[in-house]
Amino acid sequence: MRIRESAQSIARINGFPPIENPSARILILGSMPGAASLRAGQYYAHPQNLFWRILGEILGGANGASYAERLGMLKANGIALWDVLASCVREGSLDADIDSASLQPNDFATFFTTHGRIETVLFNGAKAEACYRKHVAPSLEMREIRYLRLPSTSPANASIPYAQKSAAWRAALGS
């Protein structure tokens, strides 16, 4: 029988810096990179995560593009990418396993000051939206920004069919 470790004995994990573009009008936010992404040092690196597939289809990215090409595709389309959390304590990759007492959000006040053209924030799933609304939004100055939660592209969100996820992302990105 495996005994689950306490949150105190699980290491704190740190996210990535933003993929940014000073002229970005859209910011896509996840919660925190999963284990596969952290190992690879790349956003959405899990082979079953649909993020790059969906955005590639919408934005015209080549299937099998390199990570650098994918990031270039985002930037060329006025999209920035980041996570709500800078760090947290989590065992595994599931958002449900994030220790809520350990959350440390990223510095969005500075980000929005230096990226004043952001007009839309898209949340990649419910956890990203919930963390942002609880731990980030109350400390920000009010700005005209459209917020929209989209179905998570994570393989853990298998109850929503690919076509439905793709259609929601396509509608949000205006394609």
Foldseek 3Di string as FASTA:
>chain_A
DDDDDDLVPFDKDFADDKLDALAAQEEEAEAGAFPQCSVVVAHPRDPQQCVLVLVCVLQVNDVVDDRVSSSVSQNVLRYMYYYQFRMFGADGGDLVRTDVVGTDGDPVQVVCVSNVNHAEYEYQDDSRVVCCVVPPVVPHDDDRHHYYYAHHSDPVSVVDDPVRRSVRVNVVSVD
